[in-house]
Amino acid sequence: MTNAEVMARNAAHEVGVYARQPVALVRGRGAEVWDADGRRYIDFFAGLSVSNVGHCHPAVVEAVRAQTRPGNRACAGISTRPTCGDRTNRSIDSVGSRS
């Protein structure tokens, strides 16, 4: 799909809260991103954590793989990992000890 095709397809489903740029980013690596038309850009946008490590940083990709290998949580009301409670309690304990 081209940038124009992606933009047209998405426009039918978006609420329109934010103004859209006429580009559809389809992949990223490090500080670079590519649009649907194959153009390469340097990503200067301070987005959600990519500004810290870049796109597809190998350490982040491996961490995500390791976390998703056993399966993702299906529902907030169902515990699927025995260690989740331990981690939560340690987090609460560490925050509580600072006050």
Protein backbone atom coordinates (compact mmCIF):
# COMPACT_ATOMS: atom_id res chain seq x y z
CA MET A 1 0.00 0.00 0.00
CA THR A 2 1.12 3.56 -0.65
CA ASN A 3 1.02 6.46 1.81
CA ALA A 4 -2.15 7.76 0.14
CA GLU A 5 -3.85 4.35 0.32
CA VAL A 6 -2.99 3.88 3.99
CA MET A 7 -4.18 7.41 4.84
CA ALA A 8 -7.48 6.92 2.99
CA ARG A 9 -8.10 3.54 4.58
CA ASN A 10 -7.38 4.80 8.11
CA ALA A 11 -9.41 8.00 7.67
CA ALA A 12 -12.60 5.95 7.54
CA HIS A 13 -11.97 4.65 11.09
CA GLU A 14 -10.26 7.53 12.90
CA VAL A 15 -11.99 10.01 15.17
CA GLY A 16 -9.82 12.88 13.98
CA VAL A 17 -8.54 14.13 17.33
CA TYR A 18 -5.05 14.77 15.97
CA ALA A 19 -4.04 16.25 12.64
CA ARG A 20 -2.40 13.61 10.47
CA GLN A 21 0.77 14.07 8.48
CA PRO A 22 0.60 12.80 4.88
CA VAL A 23 2.90 9.87 5.62
CA ALA A 24 2.33 6.29 6.78
CA LEU A 25 5.31 4.90 8.66
CA VAL A 26 5.54 1.16 8.12
CA ARG A 27 8.82 0.19 9.79
CA GLY A 28 11.66 1.50 11.88
CA ARG A 29 15.19 0.57 12.86
CA GLY A 30 17.32 2.56 15.26
CA ALA A 31 16.77 6.27 14.54
CA GLU A 32 15.38 5.66 11.05
CA VAL A 33 11.83 5.03 9.84
CA TRP A 34 10.42 4.22 6.40
CA ASP A 35 7.10 5.20 4.90
CA ALA A 36 4.78 3.13 2.74
CA ASP A 37 6.31 4.68 -0.39
CA GLY A 38 9.80 3.50 0.62
CA ARG A 39 11.21 6.88 1.69
CA ARG A 40 13.62 6.86 4.63
CA TYR A 41 13.49 9.46 7.40
CA ILE A 42 15.49 10.19 10.53
CA ASP A 43 13.03 10.02 13.40
CA PHE A 44 13.35 13.18 15.50
CA PHE A 45 9.92 12.74 17.07
CA ALA A 46 10.06 12.23 20.83
CA GLY A 47 7.53 9.40 20.98
CA LEU A 48 6.66 6.69 23.43
CA SER A 49 10.04 5.34 24.60
CA VAL A 50 11.56 5.03 21.12
CA SER A 51 13.37 8.28 21.80
CA ASN A 52 15.35 6.45 24.49
CA VAL A 53 16.38 3.29 22.64
CA GLY A 54 15.43 3.68 18.97
CA HIS A 55 13.11 1.52 16.91
CA CYS A 56 13.49 -2.27 17.19
CA HIS A 57 16.44 -2.12 19.56
CA PRO A 58 17.68 -5.74 19.86
CA ALA A 59 17.58 -5.72 23.68
CA VAL A 60 14.00 -4.45 23.70
CA VAL A 61 12.90 -6.92 21.02
CA GLU A 62 14.40 -9.81 23.00
CA ALA A 63 12.79 -8.62 26.24
CA VAL A 64 9.39 -8.53 24.54
CA ARG A 65 9.96 -12.00 23.07
CA ALA A 66 10.94 -13.38 26.48
CA GLN A 67 7.84 -11.91 28.11
CA THR A 68 5.47 -13.20 25.42
CA ARG A 69 6.86 -16.72 25.00
CA PRO A 70 4.70 -18.21 27.79
CA GLY A 71 1.66 -16.42 26.35
CA ASN A 72 0.09 -13.05 26.88
CA ARG A 73 -2.38 -12.43 29.65
CA ALA A 74 -5.87 -12.99 28.32
CA CYS A 75 -7.85 -11.07 30.92
CA ALA A 76 -7.07 -8.74 33.81
CA GLY A 77 -9.13 -10.98 36.12
CA ILE A 78 -7.15 -14.15 35.38
CA SER A 79 -3.67 -14.79 36.74
CA THR A 80 -1.46 -16.54 34.21
CA ARG A 81 1.98 -16.10 35.75
CA PRO A 82 2.82 -17.25 39.26
CA THR A 83 5.52 -14.59 39.68
CA CYS A 84 3.29 -11.60 38.92
CA GLY A 85 2.08 -11.36 42.51
CA ASP A 86 5.63 -11.52 43.83
CA ARG A 87 6.72 -8.71 41.52
CA THR A 88 3.73 -6.60 42.48
CA ASN A 89 4.40 -7.08 46.18
CA ARG A 90 8.07 -6.17 45.76
CA SER A 91 7.06 -3.02 43.86
CA ILE A 92 4.56 -2.03 46.54
CA ASP A 93 7.08 -2.74 49.30
CA SER A 94 9.76 -0.61 47.62
CA VAL A 95 7.38 2.32 47.15
CA GLY A 96 6.06 2.01 50.69
CA SER A 97 9.54 2.05 52.17
CA ARG A 98 10.26 5.46 50.66
CA SER A 99 7.49 7.29 52.51
